[in-house]
Amino acid sequence: MKKISIIVACYNEGLNIRPLYERVISVMHTLQDYDFELIYVDNASTDNSLTIYHEIAAHDPHVTTLIMSRNFGTSQSSMLAGMRYATGNAVIFIDGDLQDPPELIPAFITTWQEGYEVVYGIRVKRKGSILRRIGYTCFYRLFRMLSYLDIPLDAGDTSLIDRKIVDIITSLPEKDLYIRGLRTWAGFRQTGIEYVREDRARGKTSNSFFANVFWAKKAIVNFSYKPLEFISRIAVALGCASVLGTCWYLASWYRYGIPRATFTILLCMIIMTSLIFIALGTLAEYFIRMFHEIKGRPTYIVRSIINQKTLSRQPEILVDNRQNETSLDLF
């Protein structure tokens, strides 16, 4: 019997934890040929989530919860922790806000059994504010245009990934992760399943406008060289502009005198300065990623595990074995 690991990244999703559990259990009970485990990864929630995890885990051995030592600011760390803990033949990611329906799981598994190692959800329609929908649509197309990978359009984190690709991703040394890009980078046979993404029914999203801008920068910097190529083009453009500006200055000085030429030079200096700061800002984004990788700090620290099972490879945490809840410390 093959086993499916369902990983749910959560932060302050107390209103959604139990409804998601009930829908996942209902779906998995229809798939009698598969064993499963449901792994919640909580990014140090401040609501009543911990109580709900304990209540569910006390009655269902299929459910495990990894509690982070603090909020690490990104669901990618939670997804990585879930992959390292998962013991299934395939891993399925579902968002904890229930915007991506658990009822997609049977279709994911069926497509996986047809020979595809990655099956991702394609959001053909997204409910919610029109500005958010426009922003996401523009981002995916910009990301695909800039990336050196063939990034699928409108494909979020919700997906099924085969064990071989899970092992590849969890063995990578990089710390600044973007799972959507890494699953594309890994290759193998991949396909998408279309669905309609619902609006959040309960709770409040933690993804603000600035958080979404951060995600966009992270994706582009991690999987694109074109911003760096843009800087080299700026350098060429500035060189040409300097030559043209000098010629214009001499011509203006000869024909009109100093005042007009001075204004022209000031305008050129403002434009060139702006381009230089754009180039420096772009370089800074890459340097930040490099600095983060060089430090080599763990991507996450797990404080405790509710309903511990047999652990798979976890190079970043050390287990202090106890009964129902396991404390973990950094090496």
Protein backbone atom coordinates (compact mmCIF):
# COMPACT_ATOMS: atom_id res chain seq x y z
CA MET A 1 0.00 0.00 0.00
CA LYS A 2 1.46 3.35 -1.05
CA LYS A 3 1.54 6.18 1.44
CA ILE A 4 0.67 9.83 0.85
CA SER A 5 2.06 12.61 3.06
CA ILE A 6 -0.20 15.68 3.14
CA ILE A 7 1.66 18.77 4.36
CA VAL A 8 -0.21 21.85 5.55
CA ALA A 9 1.71 25.04 6.36
CA CYS A 10 -0.20 27.11 8.93
CA TYR A 11 0.07 30.39 10.79
CA ASN A 12 -2.82 31.60 12.95
CA GLU A 13 -5.26 29.31 11.14
CA GLY A 14 -7.19 28.26 14.25
CA LEU A 15 -10.51 28.70 12.43
CA ASN A 16 -9.43 26.50 9.51
CA ILE A 17 -7.44 23.66 11.11
CA ARG A 18 -10.40 21.45 12.02
CA PRO A 19 -12.46 22.09 8.84
CA LEU A 20 -9.39 21.26 6.74
CA TYR A 21 -8.79 18.10 8.78
CA GLU A 22 -12.38 16.95 8.28
CA ARG A 23 -12.26 17.53 4.52
CA VAL A 24 -8.89 15.78 4.14
CA ILE A 25 -10.05 12.77 6.17
CA SER A 26 -13.28 12.59 4.15
CA VAL A 27 -11.29 12.55 0.90
CA MET A 28 -8.68 10.03 2.05
CA HIS A 29 -11.31 7.60 3.32
CA THR A 30 -12.52 7.30 -0.27
CA LEU A 31 -9.00 6.25 -1.33
CA GLN A 32 -8.88 2.89 0.41
CA ASP A 33 -5.81 1.71 -1.51
CA TYR A 34 -3.61 4.39 0.08
CA ASP A 35 -2.27 4.96 3.57
CA PHE A 36 -1.68 8.58 4.53
CA GLU A 37 -0.31 10.99 7.10
CA LEU A 38 -1.48 14.56 7.66
CA ILE A 39 1.37 16.84 8.75
CA TYR A 40 0.56 20.31 10.03
CA VAL A 41 3.61 22.60 10.20
CA ASP A 42 2.83 25.55 12.43
CA ASN A 43 4.97 28.69 12.07
CA ALA A 44 4.65 29.70 15.76
CA SER A 45 1.00 30.74 15.74
CA THR A 46 -0.24 33.14 18.41
CA ASP A 47 -3.92 32.06 18.39
CA ASN A 48 -5.48 28.86 19.79
CA SER A 49 -4.00 26.62 17.08
CA LEU A 50 -1.84 24.60 19.49
CA THR A 51 -4.86 23.46 21.49
CA ILE A 52 -6.64 22.31 18.35
CA TYR A 53 -3.59 20.37 17.14
CA HIS A 54 -3.46 18.47 20.44
CA GLU A 55 -7.18 17.72 20.33
CA ILE A 56 -7.01 16.31 16.80
CA ALA A 57 -3.78 14.37 17.34
CA ALA A 58 -5.17 12.78 20.52
CA HIS A 59 -7.88 11.04 18.49
CA ASP A 60 -6.17 10.39 15.16
CA PRO A 61 -2.71 8.79 14.82
CA HIS A 62 -2.59 9.89 11.17
CA VAL A 63 -2.09 13.51 12.28
CA THR A 64 1.26 15.00 13.27
CA THR A 65 2.13 18.63 13.99
CA LEU A 66 5.55 20.27 13.81
CA ILE A 67 5.75 23.46 15.90
CA MET A 68 8.39 26.00 14.91
CA SER A 69 10.50 27.68 17.59
CA ARG A 70 9.51 31.08 16.19
CA ASN A 71 7.93 32.58 13.11
CA PHE A 72 10.48 32.20 10.33
CA GLY A 73 8.57 34.57 8.09
CA THR A 74 7.84 32.21 5.21
CA SER A 75 5.81 29.12 4.44
CA GLN A 76 8.77 27.75 2.46
CA SER A 77 10.58 26.85 5.69
CA SER A 78 7.47 25.04 6.89
CA MET A 79 7.16 23.14 3.63
CA LEU A 80 10.81 22.09 3.81
CA ALA A 81 10.37 20.87 7.41
CA GLY A 82 7.31 18.91 6.35
CA MET A 83 9.17 17.28 3.47
CA ARG A 84 12.02 16.25 5.76
CA TYR A 85 9.57 14.69 8.20
CA ALA A 86 7.30 13.04 5.60
CA THR A 87 7.56 9.28 5.09
CA GLY A 88 5.16 8.88 2.16
CA ASN A 89 5.80 7.78 -1.42
CA ALA A 90 4.53 11.20 -2.48
CA VAL A 91 3.98 14.56 -0.78
CA ILE A 92 0.97 16.80 -1.30
CA PHE A 93 1.02 20.48 -0.28
CA ILE A 94 -2.21 22.22 0.75
CA ASP A 95 -2.52 25.77 2.07
CA GLY A 96 -3.91 26.02 5.59
CA ASP A 97 -6.43 28.72 4.63
CA LEU A 98 -8.58 26.26 2.59
CA GLN A 99 -8.46 28.42 -0.51
CA ASP A 100 -7.06 25.40 -2.38
CA PRO A 101 -9.59 22.57 -1.96
CA PRO A 102 -8.46 19.21 -0.49
CA GLU A 103 -10.86 17.60 -2.95
CA LEU A 104 -8.06 17.96 -5.55
CA ILE A 105 -6.15 15.13 -3.83
CA PRO A 106 -7.76 12.20 -5.75
CA ALA A 107 -7.03 13.90 -9.09
CA PHE A 108 -3.42 14.53 -8.03
CA ILE A 109 -2.95 10.89 -7.05
CA THR A 110 -4.59 9.54 -10.22
CA THR A 111 -2.33 11.69 -12.40
CA TRP A 112 0.71 10.66 -10.34
CA GLN A 113 -0.15 7.01 -10.92
CA GLU A 114 -0.18 7.71 -14.64
CA GLY A 115 3.57 8.38 -14.44
CA TYR A 116 3.90 12.09 -13.62
CA GLU A 117 6.38 12.91 -10.84
CA VAL A 118 5.00 16.42 -10.26
CA VAL A 119 1.33 17.38 -10.46
CA TYR A 120 0.59 21.04 -9.69
CA GLY A 121 -2.66 22.95 -9.44
CA ILE A 122 -3.34 25.61 -12.07
CA ARG A 123 -5.56 28.43 -10.89
CA VAL A 124 -7.77 29.09 -13.90
CA LYS A 125 -9.87 31.45 -11.82
CA ARG A 126 -9.09 33.21 -8.56
CA LYS A 127 -11.73 34.69 -6.31
CA GLY A 128 -11.03 37.77 -4.20
CA SER A 129 -10.27 41.44 -4.88
CA ILE A 130 -9.69 42.44 -8.49
CA LEU A 131 -6.39 44.19 -7.66
CA ARG A 132 -5.01 41.03 -6.06
CA ARG A 133 -6.09 38.93 -9.06
CA ILE A 134 -4.46 41.36 -11.49
CA GLY A 135 -1.28 41.44 -9.41
CA TYR A 136 -0.92 37.65 -9.34
CA THR A 137 -1.66 37.35 -13.06
CA CYS A 138 1.01 39.93 -13.92
CA PHE A 139 3.55 38.34 -11.57
CA TYR A 140 3.34 34.84 -13.06
CA ARG A 141 3.79 36.17 -16.58
CA LEU A 142 6.66 38.45 -15.58
CA PHE A 143 8.31 35.61 -13.67
CA ARG A 144 8.04 33.27 -16.65
CA MET A 145 9.44 35.92 -18.98
CA LEU A 146 12.47 36.60 -16.76
CA SER A 147 13.23 33.09 -15.50
CA TYR A 148 15.67 30.69 -17.14
CA LEU A 149 13.13 27.91 -16.38
CA ASP A 150 9.86 27.12 -18.12
CA ILE A 151 7.72 28.19 -15.16
CA PRO A 152 4.05 27.08 -15.45
CA LEU A 153 1.59 29.96 -15.35
CA ASP A 154 -0.77 30.41 -12.39
CA ALA A 155 0.62 27.39 -10.52
CA GLY A 156 0.88 27.86 -6.75
CA ASP A 157 2.28 25.72 -3.96
CA THR A 158 -0.63 23.25 -4.02
CA SER A 159 0.81 20.21 -5.72
CA LEU A 160 1.88 16.56 -5.50
CA ILE A 161 5.61 15.77 -5.62
CA ASP A 162 7.03 12.27 -5.94
CA ARG A 163 9.41 10.94 -3.30
CA LYS A 164 12.43 11.05 -5.63
CA ILE A 165 11.97 14.80 -6.16
CA VAL A 166 11.29 15.36 -2.45
CA ASP A 167 14.66 13.72 -1.71
CA ILE A 168 16.35 15.93 -4.32
CA ILE A 169 14.91 19.16 -2.89
CA THR A 170 15.61 18.27 0.75
CA SER A 171 19.22 17.38 -0.09
CA LEU A 172 19.98 20.77 -1.66
CA PRO A 173 22.35 22.97 0.40
CA GLU A 174 20.66 26.29 -0.37
CA LYS A 175 18.74 28.06 2.39
CA ASP A 176 16.71 30.68 0.52
CA LEU A 177 14.10 28.34 -0.89
CA TYR A 178 11.32 28.85 -3.40
CA ILE A 179 9.64 25.44 -3.70
CA ARG A 180 7.63 26.26 -6.83
CA GLY A 181 10.83 27.08 -8.70
CA LEU A 182 12.76 24.10 -7.31
CA ARG A 183 10.14 21.57 -8.35
CA THR A 184 10.35 22.95 -11.91
CA TRP A 185 14.15 22.98 -11.76
CA ALA A 186 14.20 19.30 -10.74
CA GLY A 187 12.65 18.27 -14.03
CA PHE A 188 11.06 14.83 -14.61
CA ARG A 189 7.50 14.51 -15.94
CA GLN A 190 5.26 17.34 -14.80
CA THR A 191 1.71 18.38 -15.55
CA GLY A 192 -1.02 20.60 -14.13
CA ILE A 193 -4.64 20.22 -13.05
CA GLU A 194 -6.96 23.19 -13.41
CA TYR A 195 -9.16 24.39 -10.55
CA VAL A 196 -10.86 27.50 -9.19
CA ARG A 197 -9.17 29.05 -6.16
CA GLU A 198 -11.68 30.14 -3.54
CA ASP A 199 -11.49 33.29 -1.47
CA ARG A 200 -10.58 32.94 2.20
CA ALA A 201 -13.70 31.93 4.15
CA ARG A 202 -12.34 32.24 7.70
CA GLY A 203 -9.60 34.18 9.41
CA LYS A 204 -7.32 36.91 8.12
CA THR A 205 -4.52 36.52 5.61
CA SER A 206 -0.94 37.21 6.69
CA ASN A 207 0.11 38.02 3.10
CA SER A 208 0.10 41.80 2.83
CA PHE A 209 0.93 43.79 -0.30
CA PHE A 210 4.55 44.16 0.81
CA ALA A 211 4.77 40.45 1.60
CA ASN A 212 3.66 39.66 -1.94
CA VAL A 213 6.28 42.09 -3.32
CA PHE A 214 8.89 40.24 -1.25
CA TRP A 215 7.76 36.92 -2.73
CA ALA A 216 7.98 38.34 -6.25
CA LYS A 217 11.56 39.56 -5.67
CA LYS A 218 12.54 36.25 -4.08
CA ALA A 219 11.26 34.24 -7.04
CA ILE A 220 12.87 36.43 -9.69
CA VAL A 221 16.26 36.71 -7.96
CA ASN A 222 16.42 32.96 -7.26
CA PHE A 223 15.57 31.87 -10.80
CA SER A 224 16.62 34.66 -13.15
CA TYR A 225 19.86 36.20 -14.38
CA LYS A 226 18.14 38.88 -16.43
CA PRO A 227 18.27 41.60 -13.74
CA LEU A 228 22.06 41.24 -13.77
CA GLU A 229 22.07 41.34 -17.57
CA PHE A 230 19.97 44.49 -17.28
CA ILE A 231 22.76 46.11 -15.24
CA SER A 232 25.32 45.46 -17.98
CA ARG A 233 22.96 47.03 -20.48
CA ILE A 234 22.61 50.05 -18.21
CA ALA A 235 26.39 50.38 -18.18
CA VAL A 236 26.48 50.38 -21.99
CA ALA A 237 23.59 52.84 -22.12
CA LEU A 238 25.29 55.18 -19.66
CA GLY A 239 28.50 55.08 -21.70
CA CYS A 240 26.62 56.00 -24.85
CA ALA A 241 24.64 58.66 -23.00
CA SER A 242 27.88 60.17 -21.69
CA VAL A 243 29.25 60.50 -25.22
CA LEU A 244 25.99 61.97 -26.52
CA GLY A 245 25.73 64.27 -23.51
CA THR A 246 29.24 65.59 -24.09
CA CYS A 247 28.48 66.26 -27.75
CA TRP A 248 25.21 67.97 -26.83
CA TYR A 249 26.97 70.08 -24.23
CA LEU A 250 29.61 71.28 -26.69
CA ALA A 251 27.00 72.00 -29.35
CA SER A 252 24.78 73.87 -26.89
CA TRP A 253 27.69 75.83 -25.53
CA TYR A 254 28.76 76.81 -29.04
CA ARG A 255 25.27 77.79 -30.18
CA TYR A 256 23.35 78.94 -27.06
CA GLY A 257 25.89 79.53 -24.37
CA ILE A 258 26.29 77.98 -20.93
CA PRO A 259 22.73 78.24 -19.40
CA ARG A 260 20.92 75.81 -21.72
CA ALA A 261 23.85 73.42 -21.77
CA THR A 262 23.95 73.45 -17.96
CA PHE A 263 20.27 72.51 -17.75
CA THR A 264 20.82 69.66 -20.20
CA ILE A 265 23.75 68.32 -18.21
CA LEU A 266 21.75 68.46 -14.96
CA LEU A 267 18.89 66.53 -16.56
CA CYS A 268 21.29 63.87 -17.84
CA MET A 269 22.91 63.61 -14.42
CA ILE A 270 19.52 63.03 -12.75
CA ILE A 271 18.62 60.30 -15.24
CA MET A 272 22.01 58.62 -14.95
CA THR A 273 21.93 58.76 -11.15
CA SER A 274 18.51 57.12 -11.14
CA LEU A 275 19.75 54.32 -13.38
CA ILE A 276 22.79 53.81 -11.18
CA PHE A 277 20.64 53.45 -8.07
CA ILE A 278 18.40 50.97 -9.88
CA ALA A 279 21.49 48.93 -10.74
CA LEU A 280 22.77 49.12 -7.15
CA GLY A 281 19.37 48.04 -5.81
CA THR A 282 19.33 45.06 -8.14
CA LEU A 283 22.83 44.04 -7.08
CA ALA A 284 21.81 44.43 -3.43
CA GLU A 285 19.02 41.86 -3.88
CA TYR A 286 21.51 39.29 -5.15
CA PHE A 287 24.03 40.16 -2.42
CA ILE A 288 21.35 39.68 0.24
CA ARG A 289 20.66 36.16 -1.07
CA MET A 290 24.39 35.40 -1.20
CA PHE A 291 24.90 36.72 2.34
CA HIS A 292 22.05 34.53 3.60
CA GLU A 293 23.51 31.44 1.92
CA ILE A 294 27.09 32.09 3.13
CA LYS A 295 26.02 32.38 6.78
CA GLY A 296 24.71 28.82 6.56
CA ARG A 297 22.13 29.17 9.33
CA PRO A 298 19.34 26.56 9.40
CA THR A 299 16.22 27.42 7.46
CA TYR A 300 14.07 26.57 10.47
CA ILE A 301 14.15 25.23 14.04
CA VAL A 302 11.41 22.88 15.21
CA ARG A 303 10.46 23.39 18.86
CA SER A 304 8.28 20.30 19.28
CA ILE A 305 6.46 17.51 17.46
CA ILE A 306 2.96 16.39 18.42
CA ASN A 307 2.36 12.69 17.64
CA GLN A 308 5.92 11.86 16.67
CA LYS A 309 6.44 9.10 14.13
CA THR A 310 9.57 7.55 12.67
CA LEU A 311 11.63 10.50 11.51
CA SER A 312 13.09 10.68 8.03
CA ARG A 313 16.32 12.57 7.29
CA GLN A 314 16.51 15.82 9.31
CA PRO A 315 20.02 17.28 9.16
CA GLU A 316 19.08 20.56 10.81
CA ILE A 317 17.50 19.36 14.06
CA LEU A 318 18.44 17.07 16.91
CA VAL A 319 15.73 14.95 18.51
CA ASP A 320 15.37 14.52 22.26
CA ASN A 321 13.10 11.46 22.38
CA ARG A 322 10.03 11.70 24.59
CA GLN A 323 6.49 10.33 24.37
CA ASN A 324 3.77 12.30 22.64
CA GLU A 325 5.55 15.62 22.21
CA THR A 326 9.18 15.72 21.17
CA SER A 327 11.47 18.67 21.82
CA LEU A 328 14.10 19.50 19.23
CA ASP A 329 17.20 21.64 19.48
CA LEU A 330 19.52 23.04 16.86
CA PHE A 331 22.84 21.19 16.37
